[in-house]
């Protein structure tokens, strides 16, 4: 008698093994700008841009980094990201074009755009160059320093052999997209902390009105008296979801976050009751020692505001 049943089972088992080799679907990698979430009305208008001030401290150029992120598997090799400039852009309140005004290769360079091996995020490095074009563009906008003077670069990520760009979060009302990012930069002599304070009622009384009218001589004297590096006053403002991310990226959401991190929650009291008084006492000592007050570049006496009734010179 011939027994066929075991052979049938063996064949079935072999077939079963073959069928168990199922191919899994793998989604193509995608890339986009790594925006932080918009958490309030002010921040919602700034999630896709940054304002940078170069040139005040002898800089001829500065390299900034813009955060990008991927969706999909990592790779064991570095992957290049394709970035182009946008010459025409969305409108600000339906009036101002937000396309690129800087000249690539002259005013700026895209140094690098890459997702490193084994990583899901990376950076786009952009070199900002302090050119005559930047100086002229900054000077043309000087009367309106709070409204992004200088030059503008609007970047867009486009598809290449490494990444697709069909994961898009777009705001139809404003034209903002996670595939685009705007860099506004200038070479104003006024540090960014003073510029932002001038545009914000909350901090105008603390910084702009507290230290009085701007002058280079006064600024240098303040830094010397308080033993502060001039760049302390010049943080970069733009995309950030809070203090922790700002510390990591070096890009601050606003003056409150920056001052809280640097001076603590009672920064207003420190500036008003300690710094203003210390600088004014130093000005008084200067006047006593030299027989005349300190004069600025406009031949005006250097004074700080007396809005808190603590001026003693």
Protein backbone atom coordinates (compact mmCIF):
# COMPACT_ATOMS: atom_id res chain seq x y z
CA UNK A 1 0.00 0.00 0.00
CA UNK A 2 1.26 3.44 -0.85
CA UNK A 3 0.88 6.25 1.68
CA UNK A 4 0.44 9.64 -0.04
CA UNK A 5 -0.88 11.73 2.87
CA UNK A 6 2.48 12.76 4.36
CA UNK A 7 3.70 13.93 0.96
CA UNK A 8 0.61 16.11 0.59
CA UNK A 9 1.26 17.68 3.93
CA UNK A 10 4.91 18.26 2.98
CA UNK A 11 3.92 19.97 -0.27
CA UNK A 12 1.40 22.16 1.48
CA UNK A 13 3.95 23.16 4.08
CA UNK A 14 6.48 24.09 1.39
CA UNK A 15 3.90 26.16 -0.48
CA UNK A 16 2.93 27.87 2.75
CA UNK A 17 6.53 28.94 3.35
CA UNK A 18 6.71 30.51 -0.08
CA UNK A 19 3.47 32.44 0.39
CA UNK A 20 4.67 33.87 3.74
CA UNK A 21 7.23 36.06 1.94
CA UNK A 22 4.99 39.15 1.67
CA UNK A 23 6.41 42.35 0.21
CA UNK A 24 5.69 45.42 2.39
CA UNK A 25 4.81 48.85 0.95
CA UNK A 26 7.44 51.52 1.66
CA UNK A 27 6.37 55.15 1.34
CA UNK A 28 8.72 57.47 -0.58
CA UNK A 29 10.70 59.91 1.59
CA UNK A 30 9.37 63.45 1.83
CA UNK A 31 10.99 66.66 3.12
CA UNK A 32 9.70 70.01 4.39
CA UNK A 33 10.65 72.94 6.64
CA UNK A 34 10.42 72.03 10.31
CA UNK A 35 8.00 74.68 11.52
CA UNK A 36 7.13 74.79 15.19
CA UNK A 37 3.38 74.85 15.94
CA UNK A 38 1.66 78.22 15.91
CA UNK A 39 0.47 78.77 19.47
CA UNK A 40 -0.80 82.35 19.44
CA UNK A 41 -1.79 85.15 17.09
CA UNK A 42 1.66 86.80 17.00
CA UNK A 43 3.47 83.56 16.39
CA UNK A 44 1.05 82.41 13.71
CA UNK A 45 2.28 85.25 11.49
CA UNK A 46 5.96 84.41 11.92
CA UNK A 47 6.22 80.63 11.61
CA UNK A 48 7.77 80.73 8.15
CA UNK A 49 10.33 83.52 8.50
CA UNK A 50 13.30 84.88 10.40
CA UNK A 51 14.82 88.36 10.73
CA UNK A 52 18.62 88.58 10.91
CA UNK A 53 20.78 91.65 11.48
CA UNK A 54 24.40 91.46 10.27
CA UNK A 55 27.16 94.02 9.93
CA UNK A 56 27.03 95.84 13.29
CA UNK A 57 29.98 94.03 14.80
CA UNK A 58 32.32 93.97 11.85
CA UNK A 59 30.69 90.97 10.18
CA UNK A 60 31.22 90.64 6.45
CA UNK A 61 29.04 87.55 6.33
CA UNK A 62 27.08 85.16 8.54
CA UNK A 63 25.90 81.59 7.99
CA UNK A 64 22.45 80.78 9.35
CA UNK A 65 20.77 77.37 9.59
CA UNK A 66 17.13 76.62 8.74
CA UNK A 67 15.68 73.42 10.15
CA UNK A 68 14.20 70.82 7.78
CA UNK A 69 12.56 67.46 8.50
CA UNK A 70 11.72 64.28 6.62
CA UNK A 71 8.89 61.79 6.57
CA UNK A 72 9.82 58.17 5.85
CA UNK A 73 12.74 55.85 6.54
CA UNK A 74 16.25 57.07 7.30
CA UNK A 75 19.13 56.36 4.93
CA UNK A 76 22.67 55.10 5.49
CA UNK A 77 24.03 57.90 3.26
CA UNK A 78 23.67 61.69 3.30
CA UNK A 79 20.76 62.88 1.16
CA UNK A 80 20.85 66.23 -0.64
CA UNK A 81 17.77 68.47 -0.57
CA UNK A 82 16.96 70.65 -3.57
CA UNK A 83 16.30 74.30 -2.72
CA UNK A 84 15.45 77.16 -5.10
CA UNK A 85 14.68 80.85 -4.62
CA UNK A 86 11.19 82.22 -5.19
CA UNK A 87 11.19 85.52 -7.07
CA UNK A 88 7.51 86.28 -6.55
CA UNK A 89 5.73 85.37 -3.38
CA UNK A 90 2.64 85.77 -1.26
CA UNK A 91 1.41 89.22 -0.41
CA UNK A 92 1.63 90.77 3.03
CA UNK A 93 -1.85 92.12 3.71
CA UNK A 94 -2.49 92.07 -0.01
CA UNK A 95 0.09 94.80 -0.66
CA UNK A 96 3.77 93.89 -0.44
CA UNK A 97 5.34 91.14 -2.52
CA UNK A 98 7.41 88.76 -0.43
CA UNK A 99 9.55 87.32 -3.18
CA UNK A 100 13.36 87.29 -3.16
CA UNK A 101 15.08 90.68 -3.48
CA UNK A 102 18.64 89.52 -2.70
CA UNK A 103 20.90 88.33 -5.53
CA UNK A 104 22.10 84.74 -5.23
CA UNK A 105 25.86 84.46 -5.59
CA UNK A 106 26.33 88.10 -4.61
CA UNK A 107 24.18 88.85 -1.56
CA UNK A 108 23.81 85.27 -0.37
CA UNK A 109 24.76 81.67 -1.06
CA UNK A 110 23.04 78.38 -0.28
CA UNK A 111 25.97 76.59 1.32
CA UNK A 112 24.40 73.25 2.11
CA UNK A 113 21.03 71.51 2.16
CA UNK A 114 21.27 67.94 3.41
CA UNK A 115 19.71 65.28 5.61
CA UNK A 116 22.64 63.43 7.24
CA UNK A 117 22.87 59.63 7.16
CA UNK A 118 20.74 57.98 9.83
CA UNK A 119 18.80 61.19 10.58
CA UNK A 120 15.26 62.34 9.92
CA UNK A 121 16.11 66.04 10.19
CA UNK A 122 18.81 68.37 8.95
CA UNK A 123 19.51 71.98 8.03
CA UNK A 124 19.75 74.31 5.09
CA UNK A 125 22.80 76.53 5.55
CA UNK A 126 22.55 79.98 4.00
CA UNK A 127 25.45 82.45 3.90
CA UNK A 128 24.28 86.07 4.21
CA UNK A 129 26.81 88.54 2.77
CA UNK A 130 27.17 92.16 3.85
CA UNK A 131 27.17 93.88 0.45
CA UNK A 132 26.67 97.43 -0.82
CA UNK A 133 23.29 96.24 -2.10
CA UNK A 134 22.32 95.25 1.46
CA UNK A 135 23.53 98.60 2.82
CA UNK A 136 21.45 100.52 0.29
CA UNK A 137 18.36 98.38 0.84
CA UNK A 138 18.70 98.84 4.59
CA UNK A 139 19.15 102.60 4.28
CA UNK A 140 16.12 102.92 2.00
CA UNK A 141 13.94 101.36 4.72
CA UNK A 142 15.54 103.11 7.72
CA UNK A 143 12.48 105.22 8.67
CA UNK A 144 10.45 102.03 9.07
CA UNK A 145 12.92 99.81 10.93
CA UNK A 146 10.23 97.58 12.38
CA UNK A 147 9.05 96.42 8.94
CA UNK A 148 11.80 94.10 7.70
CA UNK A 149 14.29 96.55 6.17
CA UNK A 150 17.11 95.27 3.99
CA UNK A 151 16.97 92.27 1.66
CA UNK A 152 14.77 89.20 1.51
CA UNK A 153 15.36 85.60 0.46
CA UNK A 154 12.37 83.33 -0.07
CA UNK A 155 13.38 79.69 -0.40
CA UNK A 156 11.36 76.76 -1.66
CA UNK A 157 12.11 73.05 -1.35
CA UNK A 158 11.51 71.18 -4.61
CA UNK A 159 11.41 67.50 -5.47
CA UNK A 160 14.60 65.63 -6.41
CA UNK A 161 15.79 62.04 -6.60
CA UNK A 162 15.96 61.76 -2.81
CA UNK A 163 12.73 63.38 -1.68
CA UNK A 164 9.20 64.09 -2.79
CA UNK A 165 7.48 67.32 -1.76
CA UNK A 166 3.80 66.32 -1.73
CA UNK A 167 3.41 66.60 2.05
CA UNK A 168 2.20 70.18 2.10
CA UNK A 169 0.62 72.23 4.86
CA UNK A 170 -0.64 75.41 3.25
CA UNK A 171 -2.62 78.43 4.43
CA UNK A 172 -4.65 79.73 1.49
CA UNK A 173 -5.38 83.04 3.21
CA UNK A 174 -1.72 84.01 3.62
CA UNK A 175 0.03 81.74 1.14
CA UNK A 176 2.31 80.29 3.83
CA UNK A 177 3.53 76.79 3.15
CA UNK A 178 5.83 74.34 4.94
CA UNK A 179 7.78 74.06 1.69
CA UNK A 180 8.79 77.76 1.80
CA UNK A 181 10.79 79.91 4.19
CA UNK A 182 11.65 83.62 4.17
CA UNK A 183 14.88 85.14 5.46
CA UNK A 184 14.76 88.92 6.03
CA UNK A 185 18.19 90.41 6.75
CA UNK A 186 19.75 93.83 7.11
CA UNK A 187 22.79 95.63 8.49
CA UNK A 188 21.07 98.17 10.71
CA UNK A 189 23.33 99.66 13.37
CA UNK A 190 20.56 99.19 15.94
CA UNK A 191 20.65 95.72 17.58
CA UNK A 192 17.60 93.53 17.09
CA UNK A 193 16.50 93.75 20.74
CA UNK A 194 16.04 97.51 20.34
CA UNK A 195 14.34 97.10 16.95
CA UNK A 196 11.82 94.57 18.24
CA UNK A 197 11.21 96.58 21.39
CA UNK A 198 10.42 99.65 19.28
CA UNK A 199 7.70 97.65 17.53
CA UNK A 200 6.18 96.15 20.69
CA UNK A 201 4.38 98.22 23.34
CA UNK A 202 5.22 95.76 26.11
CA UNK A 203 8.98 96.12 25.67
CA UNK A 204 9.13 99.71 24.43
CA UNK A 205 8.97 100.99 28.02
CA UNK A 206 11.66 98.54 29.13
CA UNK A 207 14.27 98.85 26.39
CA UNK A 208 13.60 101.68 23.95
CA UNK A 209 12.13 104.23 26.36
CA UNK A 210 14.18 103.01 29.29
CA UNK A 211 17.54 103.56 27.63
CA UNK A 212 16.33 106.58 25.70
CA UNK A 213 17.15 107.69 22.16
CA UNK A 214 19.57 105.41 20.33
CA UNK A 215 23.17 106.40 19.68
CA UNK A 216 26.29 104.36 19.02
CA UNK A 217 28.27 106.15 21.73
CA UNK A 218 25.54 105.48 24.28
CA UNK A 219 25.31 101.84 23.26
CA UNK A 220 29.07 101.32 23.63
CA UNK A 221 28.98 103.02 27.04
CA UNK A 222 26.08 100.82 28.20
CA UNK A 223 27.93 97.66 27.13
CA UNK A 224 31.12 98.79 28.87
CA UNK A 225 29.33 99.75 32.08
CA UNK A 226 27.22 96.59 32.31
CA UNK A 227 30.10 94.41 31.06
CA UNK A 228 27.97 92.98 28.27
CA UNK A 229 29.12 91.79 24.86
CA UNK A 230 27.45 93.97 22.18
CA UNK A 231 26.04 90.82 20.58
CA UNK A 232 24.08 90.16 23.78
CA UNK A 233 21.64 92.80 22.48
CA UNK A 234 21.33 91.21 19.07
CA UNK A 235 19.46 87.88 19.29
CA UNK A 236 17.87 86.43 16.16
CA UNK A 237 14.07 86.54 16.23
CA UNK A 238 11.87 84.23 14.22
CA UNK A 239 10.65 80.64 14.39
CA UNK A 240 10.56 79.01 17.81
CA UNK A 241 7.90 77.32 19.93
CA UNK A 242 9.42 78.33 23.26
CA UNK A 243 12.52 78.92 25.35
CA UNK A 244 13.84 75.35 25.21
CA UNK A 245 13.78 75.24 21.41
CA UNK A 246 15.23 78.76 21.26
CA UNK A 247 18.21 77.69 23.36
CA UNK A 248 18.78 74.79 20.98
CA UNK A 249 18.35 76.69 17.71
CA UNK A 250 19.48 80.19 18.71
CA UNK A 251 16.29 81.65 17.20
CA UNK A 252 13.97 83.39 19.67
CA UNK A 253 10.24 83.90 19.39
CA UNK A 254 10.25 87.30 21.06
CA UNK A 255 12.04 89.59 23.50
CA UNK A 256 10.21 88.12 26.51
CA UNK A 257 11.59 84.63 25.92
CA UNK A 258 15.09 85.96 25.36
CA UNK A 259 15.17 88.27 28.40
CA UNK A 260 13.59 85.63 30.63
CA UNK A 261 16.29 83.14 29.65
CA UNK A 262 19.13 85.61 30.10
CA UNK A 263 17.98 87.50 33.21
CA UNK A 264 15.19 85.44 34.78
CA UNK A 265 11.50 86.07 35.25
CA UNK A 266 12.14 89.40 36.98
CA UNK A 267 14.07 90.87 34.04
CA UNK A 268 11.94 94.03 34.03
CA UNK A 269 12.98 94.88 37.59
CA UNK A 270 16.63 94.16 36.81
CA UNK A 271 16.65 96.50 33.80
CA UNK A 272 14.62 99.25 35.45
CA UNK A 273 15.98 99.29 38.99
CA UNK A 274 19.54 98.03 38.50
CA UNK A 275 20.85 98.55 34.96
CA UNK A 276 19.38 102.00 34.31
CA UNK A 277 20.63 103.29 37.65
CA UNK A 278 24.08 101.74 37.21
CA UNK A 279 24.56 103.32 33.77
CA UNK A 280 23.41 106.72 34.99
CA UNK A 281 25.79 106.59 37.93
CA UNK A 282 28.59 105.78 35.49
CA UNK A 283 27.57 108.78 33.37
CA UNK A 284 27.64 110.98 36.49
CA UNK A 285 31.13 109.71 37.36
CA UNK A 286 32.28 110.38 33.78
CA UNK A 287 30.99 113.96 34.02
CA UNK A 288 32.76 114.49 37.36
CA UNK A 289 36.07 113.05 36.18
CA UNK A 290 36.13 114.84 32.81
CA UNK A 291 34.48 118.11 33.78
CA UNK A 292 31.94 117.67 30.97
CA UNK A 293 29.22 115.19 30.07
CA UNK A 294 29.69 112.34 27.60
CA UNK A 295 28.63 113.44 24.12
CA UNK A 296 27.39 111.13 21.39
CA UNK A 297 28.18 111.15 17.65
CA UNK A 298 25.58 113.91 17.18
CA UNK A 299 27.23 116.10 19.84
CA UNK A 300 24.31 115.49 22.21
CA UNK A 301 24.71 114.65 25.89
CA UNK A 302 24.30 110.94 26.55
CA UNK A 303 21.38 110.44 28.91
CA UNK A 304 19.02 107.63 29.77
CA UNK A 305 15.28 108.08 30.21
CA UNK A 306 13.98 109.33 33.56
CA UNK A 307 10.60 107.60 33.28
CA UNK A 308 11.07 105.72 36.58
CA UNK A 309 12.33 108.68 38.60
CA UNK A 310 15.70 107.08 39.31
CA UNK A 311 17.97 109.38 37.33
CA UNK A 312 20.66 110.77 39.61
CA UNK A 313 23.10 112.59 37.35
